[in-house]
Amino acid sequence: MNFTEIAQNRQSSRSYDSTRAVEQEKLDTILNSARLAPSACNGQPYHITVCMGDAAQKVARATQSMGMNKFSTDAPVQLVISEESYCRTAAVGSKLKHNDYRSIDIGIVAAYITAEATAQGLGSCILGWFDNDKIKTICDLDGDIRLVICIGYAKEGDKLRSKKRKDLEKLVSFKSEV
């Protein structure tokens, strides 16, 4: 798949085949792609905790308050992305430019993870609704949790939904100076 095909085929999967494990080779490929994601000053101010088995189930349940993310317990892998400290140069840049580079970097690594999952024939869903303290305890982490990403095989018959996006003309503008 080329990148455009990945973008066209990637969707937030909310229906996983709980009987199919994710092969270690595919998980390793996803994690290696994540390692290559760009970040401010190459600081990679995040940590990815791979949860499988009982740990994945506990993390999934910590994403389900108020009826949210009921599908997450069917995904065999939960990737927990926690925030870590900036490297020195990114910390200075963030302070001087009033820009939260960590959030940007975490968004980029999440995009790499979900794109590679699609390329590997897997479904994924980025979750922002979760109990931070519970997941920190489950994963024995100090840094705040920023995202949880479900990874797994979509259930048979889970069809690709049509993409509803803004028209390009509403999303993009061009400026040039002569």
N, C-alpha and C. Protein backbone atom coordinates (compact mmCIF):
# COMPACT_ATOMS: atom_id res chain seq x y z
N MET A 1 0.84 -1.19 0.00
CA MET A 1 0.00 0.00 0.00
C MET A 1 0.88 1.24 0.00
N ASN A 2 0.53 2.21 -0.85
CA ASN A 2 1.23 3.48 -0.76
C ASN A 2 0.51 4.34 0.28
N PHE A 3 1.07 5.52 0.58
CA PHE A 3 0.52 6.31 1.68
C PHE A 3 -0.92 6.74 1.41
N THR A 4 -1.25 7.12 0.19
CA THR A 4 -2.62 7.54 -0.12
C THR A 4 -3.59 6.38 0.12
N GLU A 5 -3.20 5.18 -0.25
CA GLU A 5 -4.05 4.01 -0.01
C GLU A 5 -4.22 3.76 1.49
N ILE A 6 -3.14 3.93 2.24
CA ILE A 6 -3.23 3.79 3.70
C ILE A 6 -4.21 4.82 4.26
N ALA A 7 -4.08 6.07 3.83
CA ALA A 7 -4.97 7.13 4.31
C ALA A 7 -6.42 6.85 3.94
N GLN A 8 -6.64 6.30 2.77
CA GLN A 8 -8.01 6.00 2.33
C GLN A 8 -8.60 4.80 3.07
N ASN A 9 -7.76 3.88 3.52
CA ASN A 9 -8.23 2.66 4.16
C ASN A 9 -8.20 2.70 5.68
N ARG A 10 -7.51 3.66 6.25
CA ARG A 10 -7.43 3.75 7.71
C ARG A 10 -8.72 4.35 8.26
N GLN A 11 -9.26 3.71 9.27
CA GLN A 11 -10.42 4.27 9.96
C GLN A 11 -10.35 3.87 11.43
N SER A 12 -11.11 4.53 12.26
CA SER A 12 -11.19 4.17 13.67
C SER A 12 -12.02 2.90 13.77
N SER A 13 -11.35 1.81 14.03
CA SER A 13 -12.01 0.51 14.12
C SER A 13 -12.69 0.39 15.47
N ARG A 14 -13.95 0.04 15.44
CA ARG A 14 -14.71 -0.12 16.68
C ARG A 14 -15.37 -1.49 16.76
N SER A 15 -14.78 -2.43 16.03
CA SER A 15 -15.30 -3.80 16.01
C SER A 15 -14.12 -4.74 15.76
N TYR A 16 -13.61 -5.33 16.84
CA TYR A 16 -12.42 -6.17 16.75
C TYR A 16 -12.76 -7.64 16.91
N ASP A 17 -11.97 -8.49 16.26
CA ASP A 17 -12.08 -9.93 16.41
C ASP A 17 -11.25 -10.32 17.64
N SER A 18 -11.92 -10.55 18.74
CA SER A 18 -11.22 -10.83 20.01
C SER A 18 -10.53 -12.19 20.00
N THR A 19 -10.83 -13.04 19.00
CA THR A 19 -10.22 -14.37 18.95
C THR A 19 -8.90 -14.39 18.18
N ARG A 20 -8.56 -13.26 17.53
CA ARG A 20 -7.32 -13.21 16.73
C ARG A 20 -6.28 -12.35 17.41
N ALA A 21 -5.18 -12.97 17.74
CA ALA A 21 -4.06 -12.24 18.33
C ALA A 21 -3.30 -11.49 17.23
N VAL A 22 -2.66 -10.41 17.62
CA VAL A 22 -1.79 -9.68 16.70
C VAL A 22 -0.42 -10.35 16.74
N GLU A 23 0.08 -10.70 15.57
CA GLU A 23 1.38 -11.36 15.49
C GLU A 23 2.48 -10.41 15.97
N GLN A 24 3.46 -10.98 16.67
CA GLN A 24 4.57 -10.18 17.20
C GLN A 24 5.31 -9.45 16.08
N GLU A 25 5.47 -10.09 14.94
CA GLU A 25 6.16 -9.47 13.81
C GLU A 25 5.45 -8.18 13.37
N LYS A 26 4.13 -8.22 13.31
CA LYS A 26 3.36 -7.02 12.92
C LYS A 26 3.46 -5.95 13.99
N LEU A 27 3.38 -6.35 15.24
CA LEU A 27 3.51 -5.39 16.34
C LEU A 27 4.89 -4.75 16.34
N ASP A 28 5.92 -5.55 16.09
CA ASP A 28 7.29 -5.01 16.01
C ASP A 28 7.42 -4.01 14.86
N THR A 29 6.80 -4.30 13.73
CA THR A 29 6.84 -3.38 12.59
C THR A 29 6.17 -2.06 12.95
N ILE A 30 5.03 -2.12 13.62
CA ILE A 30 4.33 -0.91 14.05
C ILE A 30 5.20 -0.10 14.99
N LEU A 31 5.81 -0.76 15.95
CA LEU A 31 6.64 -0.06 16.95
C LEU A 31 7.90 0.52 16.31
N ASN A 32 8.48 -0.17 15.35
CA ASN A 32 9.64 0.37 14.65
C ASN A 32 9.27 1.59 13.82
N SER A 33 8.08 1.59 13.22
CA SER A 33 7.62 2.77 12.50
C SER A 33 7.42 3.93 13.47
N ALA A 34 6.86 3.64 14.65
CA ALA A 34 6.68 4.68 15.67
C ALA A 34 8.03 5.28 16.07
N ARG A 35 9.02 4.44 16.18
CA ARG A 35 10.37 4.90 16.56
C ARG A 35 10.93 5.89 15.55
N LEU A 36 10.48 5.77 14.29
CA LEU A 36 10.97 6.65 13.22
C LEU A 36 10.19 7.95 13.09
N ALA A 37 9.12 8.11 13.87
CA ALA A 37 8.31 9.32 13.78
C ALA A 37 9.13 10.56 14.16
N PRO A 38 8.97 11.65 13.42
CA PRO A 38 9.70 12.87 13.77
C PRO A 38 9.16 13.48 15.06
N SER A 39 10.03 14.17 15.76
CA SER A 39 9.64 14.89 16.98
C SER A 39 10.57 16.10 17.13
N ALA A 40 10.12 17.07 17.90
CA ALA A 40 10.91 18.29 18.11
C ALA A 40 12.29 17.92 18.65
N CYS A 41 13.31 18.36 17.97
CA CYS A 41 14.70 18.11 18.35
C CYS A 41 15.01 16.63 18.51
N ASN A 42 14.24 15.78 17.83
CA ASN A 42 14.37 14.32 17.95
C ASN A 42 14.28 13.84 19.40
N GLY A 43 13.54 14.59 20.23
CA GLY A 43 13.48 14.29 21.65
C GLY A 43 12.56 13.13 22.03
N GLN A 44 11.60 12.79 21.19
CA GLN A 44 10.65 11.73 21.46
C GLN A 44 10.15 11.77 22.92
N PRO A 45 9.40 12.82 23.28
CA PRO A 45 8.99 13.02 24.68
C PRO A 45 7.77 12.17 25.08
N TYR A 46 7.86 10.90 24.81
CA TYR A 46 6.76 9.99 25.11
C TYR A 46 7.31 8.61 25.33
N HIS A 47 6.48 7.77 25.92
CA HIS A 47 6.83 6.37 26.12
C HIS A 47 5.62 5.55 25.68
N ILE A 48 5.86 4.46 24.99
CA ILE A 48 4.79 3.58 24.53
C ILE A 48 4.85 2.30 25.37
N THR A 49 3.77 2.03 26.08
CA THR A 49 3.66 0.80 26.85
C THR A 49 2.71 -0.13 26.10
N VAL A 50 3.21 -1.30 25.73
CA VAL A 50 2.42 -2.28 24.99
C VAL A 50 1.72 -3.18 26.01
N CYS A 51 0.40 -3.17 25.98
CA CYS A 51 -0.39 -3.99 26.91
C CYS A 51 -1.11 -5.08 26.13
N MET A 52 -0.93 -6.30 26.58
CA MET A 52 -1.60 -7.46 25.98
C MET A 52 -2.15 -8.31 27.13
N GLY A 53 -2.98 -9.27 26.80
CA GLY A 53 -3.53 -10.16 27.82
C GLY A 53 -4.32 -9.40 28.87
N ASP A 54 -4.11 -9.79 30.14
CA ASP A 54 -4.85 -9.17 31.24
C ASP A 54 -4.59 -7.66 31.33
N ALA A 55 -3.37 -7.25 31.04
CA ALA A 55 -3.04 -5.82 31.10
C ALA A 55 -3.86 -5.05 30.07
N ALA A 56 -4.01 -5.61 28.86
CA ALA A 56 -4.82 -4.95 27.83
C ALA A 56 -6.27 -4.85 28.28
N GLN A 57 -6.78 -5.89 28.91
CA GLN A 57 -8.16 -5.86 29.38
C GLN A 57 -8.36 -4.81 30.47
N LYS A 58 -7.41 -4.71 31.37
CA LYS A 58 -7.50 -3.70 32.44
C LYS A 58 -7.45 -2.29 31.86
N VAL A 59 -6.54 -2.07 30.91
CA VAL A 59 -6.45 -0.75 30.27
C VAL A 59 -7.74 -0.45 29.53
N ALA A 60 -8.24 -1.43 28.79
CA ALA A 60 -9.49 -1.22 28.04
C ALA A 60 -10.62 -0.82 28.98
N ARG A 61 -10.75 -1.50 30.10
CA ARG A 61 -11.82 -1.16 31.05
C ARG A 61 -11.63 0.25 31.61
N ALA A 62 -10.39 0.71 31.68
CA ALA A 62 -10.12 2.07 32.18
C ALA A 62 -10.44 3.13 31.13
N THR A 63 -10.86 2.71 29.94
CA THR A 63 -11.28 3.66 28.89
C THR A 63 -12.80 3.69 28.74
N GLN A 64 -13.52 2.98 29.60
CA GLN A 64 -14.93 2.73 29.36
C GLN A 64 -15.91 3.42 30.31
N SER A 65 -15.50 4.41 31.04
CA SER A 65 -16.46 5.06 31.93
C SER A 65 -17.53 5.79 31.12
N MET A 66 -18.67 5.96 31.73
CA MET A 66 -19.81 6.67 31.14
C MET A 66 -20.24 6.08 29.79
N GLY A 67 -20.02 4.77 29.62
CA GLY A 67 -20.47 4.09 28.41
C GLY A 67 -19.59 4.27 27.19
N MET A 68 -18.44 4.86 27.36
CA MET A 68 -17.55 5.11 26.23
C MET A 68 -16.73 3.85 25.90
N ASN A 69 -16.30 3.76 24.65
CA ASN A 69 -15.29 2.80 24.17
C ASN A 69 -15.58 1.35 24.54
N LYS A 70 -16.85 0.94 24.50
CA LYS A 70 -17.23 -0.42 24.88
C LYS A 70 -16.51 -1.48 24.05
N PHE A 71 -16.13 -1.13 22.84
CA PHE A 71 -15.47 -2.06 21.92
C PHE A 71 -14.04 -2.37 22.31
N SER A 72 -13.44 -1.53 23.15
CA SER A 72 -11.99 -1.62 23.40
C SER A 72 -11.56 -2.95 24.02
N THR A 73 -12.43 -3.60 24.79
CA THR A 73 -12.05 -4.87 25.41
C THR A 73 -11.87 -5.99 24.39
N ASP A 74 -12.38 -5.81 23.17
CA ASP A 74 -12.20 -6.82 22.12
C ASP A 74 -10.85 -6.70 21.41
N ALA A 75 -10.19 -5.55 21.55
CA ALA A 75 -8.89 -5.36 20.90
C ALA A 75 -7.82 -6.05 21.75
N PRO A 76 -7.01 -6.92 21.16
CA PRO A 76 -6.03 -7.67 21.94
C PRO A 76 -4.81 -6.86 22.38
N VAL A 77 -4.60 -5.70 21.77
CA VAL A 77 -3.45 -4.87 22.12
C VAL A 77 -3.92 -3.46 22.43
N GLN A 78 -3.41 -2.93 23.52
CA GLN A 78 -3.63 -1.53 23.87
C GLN A 78 -2.24 -0.89 23.98
N LEU A 79 -2.03 0.14 23.19
CA LEU A 79 -0.78 0.89 23.28
C LEU A 79 -1.06 2.14 24.11
N VAL A 80 -0.38 2.27 25.21
CA VAL A 80 -0.55 3.41 26.10
C VAL A 80 0.59 4.38 25.84
N ILE A 81 0.25 5.59 25.43
CA ILE A 81 1.27 6.60 25.17
C ILE A 81 1.26 7.60 26.31
N SER A 82 2.35 7.61 27.04
CA SER A 82 2.49 8.53 28.17
C SER A 82 3.51 9.61 27.83
N GLU A 83 3.34 10.72 28.53
CA GLU A 83 4.20 11.88 28.29
C GLU A 83 5.46 11.77 29.12
N GLU A 84 6.58 12.13 28.50
CA GLU A 84 7.85 12.20 29.21
C GLU A 84 8.41 13.61 29.08
N SER A 85 9.48 13.88 29.75
CA SER A 85 10.08 15.21 29.73
C SER A 85 10.62 15.55 28.36
N TYR A 86 10.61 16.84 28.08
CA TYR A 86 11.27 17.34 26.88
C TYR A 86 12.77 17.12 26.97
N CYS A 87 13.42 17.04 25.82
CA CYS A 87 14.87 17.16 25.82
C CYS A 87 15.15 18.66 26.04
N ARG A 88 16.34 19.02 26.41
CA ARG A 88 16.64 20.40 26.80
C ARG A 88 16.32 21.41 25.69
N THR A 89 16.72 21.14 24.45
CA THR A 89 16.49 22.12 23.39
C THR A 89 15.01 22.29 23.08
N ALA A 90 14.25 21.19 23.10
CA ALA A 90 12.81 21.31 22.86
C ALA A 90 12.12 22.02 24.01
N ALA A 91 12.60 21.82 25.23
CA ALA A 91 12.02 22.52 26.40
C ALA A 91 12.22 24.02 26.27
N VAL A 92 13.42 24.43 25.87
CA VAL A 92 13.69 25.86 25.69
C VAL A 92 12.83 26.42 24.57
N GLY A 93 12.77 25.71 23.44
CA GLY A 93 11.96 26.16 22.32
C GLY A 93 10.49 26.27 22.68
N SER A 94 9.99 25.31 23.43
CA SER A 94 8.58 25.32 23.83
C SER A 94 8.28 26.54 24.70
N LYS A 95 9.19 26.83 25.61
CA LYS A 95 8.99 27.97 26.51
C LYS A 95 9.08 29.30 25.75
N LEU A 96 10.07 29.41 24.88
CA LEU A 96 10.25 30.66 24.13
C LEU A 96 9.15 30.90 23.11
N LYS A 97 8.67 29.84 22.48
CA LYS A 97 7.68 29.98 21.41
C LYS A 97 6.25 29.71 21.88
N HIS A 98 6.08 29.37 23.17
CA HIS A 98 4.74 29.11 23.73
C HIS A 98 4.00 28.07 22.89
N ASN A 99 4.70 26.97 22.62
CA ASN A 99 4.13 25.91 21.81
C ASN A 99 4.34 24.58 22.52
N ASP A 100 3.30 23.78 22.63
CA ASP A 100 3.36 22.49 23.31
C ASP A 100 3.84 21.41 22.34
N TYR A 101 5.15 21.31 22.17
CA TYR A 101 5.72 20.36 21.22
C TYR A 101 5.42 18.91 21.58
N ARG A 102 5.29 18.61 22.88
CA ARG A 102 5.00 17.22 23.27
C ARG A 102 3.69 16.74 22.68
N SER A 103 2.65 17.58 22.78
CA SER A 103 1.35 17.19 22.23
C SER A 103 1.44 16.97 20.72
N ILE A 104 2.18 17.83 20.06
CA ILE A 104 2.36 17.68 18.61
C ILE A 104 3.08 16.36 18.32
N ASP A 105 4.16 16.11 19.04
CA ASP A 105 4.95 14.90 18.82
C ASP A 105 4.14 13.64 19.10
N ILE A 106 3.31 13.66 20.13
CA ILE A 106 2.47 12.51 20.45
C ILE A 106 1.43 12.29 19.35
N GLY A 107 0.90 13.37 18.81
CA GLY A 107 -0.03 13.24 17.67
C GLY A 107 0.64 12.62 16.46
N ILE A 108 1.88 13.03 16.21
CA ILE A 108 2.62 12.48 15.07
C ILE A 108 2.89 10.98 15.27
N VAL A 109 3.35 10.59 16.45
CA VAL A 109 3.64 9.17 16.66
C VAL A 109 2.36 8.35 16.59
N ALA A 110 1.25 8.90 17.04
CA ALA A 110 -0.04 8.18 16.94
C ALA A 110 -0.42 7.99 15.47
N ALA A 111 -0.16 9.00 14.65
CA ALA A 111 -0.45 8.88 13.22
C ALA A 111 0.42 7.80 12.58
N TYR A 112 1.69 7.76 12.94
CA TYR A 112 2.57 6.72 12.41
C TYR A 112 2.09 5.33 12.84
N ILE A 113 1.71 5.19 14.10
CA ILE A 113 1.25 3.90 14.62
C ILE A 113 0.01 3.43 13.86
N THR A 114 -0.97 4.31 13.73
CA THR A 114 -2.22 3.90 13.09
C THR A 114 -2.05 3.67 11.59
N ALA A 115 -1.18 4.44 10.96
CA ALA A 115 -0.92 4.22 9.53
C ALA A 115 -0.23 2.87 9.31
N GLU A 116 0.75 2.57 10.13
CA GLU A 116 1.45 1.28 9.97
C GLU A 116 0.53 0.12 10.33
N ALA A 117 -0.34 0.28 11.32
CA ALA A 117 -1.30 -0.77 11.64
C ALA A 117 -2.16 -1.07 10.41
N THR A 118 -2.62 -0.03 9.73
CA THR A 118 -3.41 -0.21 8.51
C THR A 118 -2.60 -0.94 7.45
N ALA A 119 -1.35 -0.54 7.26
CA ALA A 119 -0.49 -1.19 6.27
C ALA A 119 -0.28 -2.67 6.61
N GLN A 120 -0.37 -3.02 7.89
CA GLN A 120 -0.20 -4.41 8.33
C GLN A 120 -1.52 -5.19 8.31
N GLY A 121 -2.60 -4.54 7.86
CA GLY A 121 -3.89 -5.22 7.79
C GLY A 121 -4.64 -5.24 9.11
N LEU A 122 -4.27 -4.35 10.01
CA LEU A 122 -4.88 -4.29 11.34
C LEU A 122 -5.76 -3.06 11.48
N GLY A 123 -6.70 -3.14 12.39
CA GLY A 123 -7.52 -1.99 12.74
C GLY A 123 -6.91 -1.28 13.93
N SER A 124 -7.28 -0.01 14.08
CA SER A 124 -6.80 0.77 15.22
C SER A 124 -7.82 1.84 15.57
N CYS A 125 -7.76 2.29 16.81
CA CYS A 125 -8.61 3.39 17.23
C CYS A 125 -7.86 4.17 18.32
N ILE A 126 -7.76 5.47 18.12
CA ILE A 126 -7.09 6.34 19.09
C ILE A 126 -8.13 6.77 20.11
N LEU A 127 -7.86 6.51 21.38
CA LEU A 127 -8.78 6.84 22.46
C LEU A 127 -8.22 7.98 23.31
N GLY A 128 -9.04 8.98 23.51
CA GLY A 128 -8.66 10.09 24.38
C GLY A 128 -9.48 10.12 25.65
N TRP A 129 -10.43 9.19 25.79
CA TRP A 129 -11.29 9.10 26.97
C TRP A 129 -10.80 7.94 27.81
N PHE A 130 -10.24 8.23 28.99
CA PHE A 130 -9.71 7.18 29.84
C PHE A 130 -9.47 7.73 31.24
N ASP A 131 -9.25 6.82 32.16
CA ASP A 131 -8.93 7.17 33.54
C ASP A 131 -7.40 7.18 33.67
N ASN A 132 -6.84 8.38 33.65
CA ASN A 132 -5.39 8.57 33.68
C ASN A 132 -4.75 7.83 34.87
N ASP A 133 -5.29 8.02 36.06
CA ASP A 133 -4.68 7.44 37.26
C ASP A 133 -4.73 5.92 37.25
N LYS A 134 -5.84 5.35 36.80
CA LYS A 134 -5.93 3.88 36.74
C LYS A 134 -4.90 3.31 35.77
N ILE A 135 -4.78 3.94 34.61
CA ILE A 135 -3.84 3.40 33.61
C ILE A 135 -2.40 3.60 34.07
N LYS A 136 -2.11 4.72 34.72
CA LYS A 136 -0.76 4.92 35.27
C LYS A 136 -0.42 3.80 36.25
N THR A 137 -1.38 3.41 37.08
CA THR A 137 -1.16 2.33 38.05
C THR A 137 -1.00 0.99 37.34
N ILE A 138 -1.87 0.69 36.40
CA ILE A 138 -1.81 -0.58 35.65
C ILE A 138 -0.45 -0.73 34.97
N CYS A 139 0.02 0.36 34.36
CA CYS A 139 1.26 0.31 33.57
C CYS A 139 2.50 0.71 34.35
N ASP A 140 2.32 1.06 35.62
CA ASP A 140 3.44 1.49 36.47
C ASP A 140 4.20 2.65 35.82
N LEU A 141 3.46 3.70 35.49
CA LEU A 141 4.03 4.86 34.81
C LEU A 141 3.96 6.10 35.70
N ASP A 142 4.92 6.98 35.53
CA ASP A 142 4.92 8.26 36.24
C ASP A 142 4.29 9.35 35.39
N GLY A 143 4.59 9.36 34.09
CA GLY A 143 4.10 10.41 33.20
C GLY A 143 2.62 10.26 32.93
N ASP A 144 1.95 11.40 32.70
CA ASP A 144 0.53 11.37 32.39
C ASP A 144 0.28 10.63 31.08
N ILE A 145 -0.86 9.96 31.02
CA ILE A 145 -1.26 9.24 29.82
C ILE A 145 -1.87 10.27 28.87
N ARG A 146 -1.49 10.22 27.61
CA ARG A 146 -2.03 11.16 26.63
C ARG A 146 -2.97 10.48 25.65
N LEU A 147 -2.68 9.24 25.28
CA LEU A 147 -3.53 8.50 24.36
C LEU A 147 -3.44 7.01 24.66
N VAL A 148 -4.50 6.30 24.32
CA VAL A 148 -4.49 4.84 24.28
C VAL A 148 -4.91 4.48 22.86
N ILE A 149 -4.17 3.57 22.25
CA ILE A 149 -4.50 3.14 20.89
C ILE A 149 -4.80 1.64 20.91
N CYS A 150 -6.04 1.31 20.53
CA CYS A 150 -6.44 -0.10 20.38
C CYS A 150 -5.88 -0.62 19.05
N ILE A 151 -5.37 -1.83 19.08
CA ILE A 151 -4.86 -2.47 17.86
C ILE A 151 -5.40 -3.90 17.82
N GLY A 152 -5.87 -4.31 16.66
CA GLY A 152 -6.33 -5.68 16.49
C GLY A 152 -6.90 -5.88 15.10
N TYR A 153 -7.31 -7.09 14.84
CA TYR A 153 -7.96 -7.40 13.56
C TYR A 153 -9.42 -6.99 13.65
N ALA A 154 -9.90 -6.33 12.61
CA ALA A 154 -11.32 -5.98 12.56
C ALA A 154 -12.13 -7.26 12.42
N LYS A 155 -13.34 -7.25 12.99
CA LYS A 155 -14.24 -8.39 12.83
C LYS A 155 -14.58 -8.55 11.36
N GLU A 156 -14.78 -9.80 10.95
CA GLU A 156 -15.18 -10.06 9.57
C GLU A 156 -16.49 -9.31 9.29
N GLY A 157 -16.53 -8.68 8.13
CA GLY A 157 -17.72 -7.93 7.75
C GLY A 157 -17.70 -6.47 8.19
N ASP A 158 -16.67 -6.08 8.94
CA ASP A 158 -16.55 -4.67 9.35
C ASP A 158 -16.10 -3.88 8.13
N LYS A 159 -17.04 -3.18 7.52
CA LYS A 159 -16.78 -2.52 6.25
C LYS A 159 -16.13 -1.16 6.43
N LEU A 160 -15.37 -0.79 5.43
CA LEU A 160 -14.76 0.54 5.39
C LEU A 160 -15.87 1.57 5.22
N ARG A 161 -15.93 2.51 6.15
CA ARG A 161 -16.94 3.56 6.08
C ARG A 161 -16.47 4.66 5.12
N SER A 162 -17.44 5.33 4.51
CA SER A 162 -17.06 6.45 3.64
C SER A 162 -16.51 7.58 4.51
N LYS A 163 -15.54 8.27 3.99
CA LYS A 163 -14.89 9.35 4.73
C LYS A 163 -15.68 10.64 4.55
N LYS A 164 -16.02 11.25 5.65
CA LYS A 164 -16.70 12.55 5.62
C LYS A 164 -15.67 13.58 6.06
N ARG A 165 -15.20 14.34 5.11
CA ARG A 165 -14.16 15.33 5.38
C ARG A 165 -14.56 16.65 4.73
N LYS A 166 -13.94 17.71 5.19
CA LYS A 166 -14.16 19.03 4.58
C LYS A 166 -13.68 18.99 3.13
N ASP A 167 -14.31 19.79 2.30
CA ASP A 167 -13.83 19.96 0.94
C ASP A 167 -12.44 20.59 0.99
N LEU A 168 -11.60 20.22 0.05
CA LEU A 168 -10.23 20.73 0.03
C LEU A 168 -10.20 22.26 0.02
N GLU A 169 -11.13 22.87 -0.68
CA GLU A 169 -11.17 24.33 -0.78
C GLU A 169 -11.45 24.98 0.58
N LYS A 170 -12.15 24.28 1.46
CA LYS A 170 -12.43 24.81 2.80
C LYS A 170 -11.30 24.53 3.78
N LEU A 171 -10.48 23.57 3.44
CA LEU A 171 -9.42 23.12 4.32
C LEU A 171 -8.07 23.77 4.02
N VAL A 172 -7.87 24.16 2.76
CA VAL A 172 -6.55 24.61 2.33
C VAL A 172 -6.67 25.96 1.62
N SER A 173 -5.70 26.82 1.87
CA SER A 173 -5.60 28.06 1.10
C SER A 173 -4.16 28.21 0.61
N PHE A 174 -3.99 28.89 -0.47
CA PHE A 174 -2.68 29.11 -1.06
C PHE A 174 -2.36 30.61 -1.03
N LYS A 175 -1.15 30.94 -0.67
CA LYS A 175 -0.67 32.31 -0.70
C LYS A 175 0.68 32.31 -1.40
N SER A 176 0.88 33.30 -2.20
CA SER A 176 2.22 33.46 -2.80
C SER A 176 2.49 34.95 -2.96
N GLU A 177 3.72 35.26 -2.80
CA GLU A 177 4.14 36.65 -2.97
C GLU A 177 5.17 36.70 -4.09
N VAL A 178 5.09 37.75 -4.88
CA VAL A 178 6.01 37.88 -6.00
C VAL A 178 6.98 39.01 -5.72
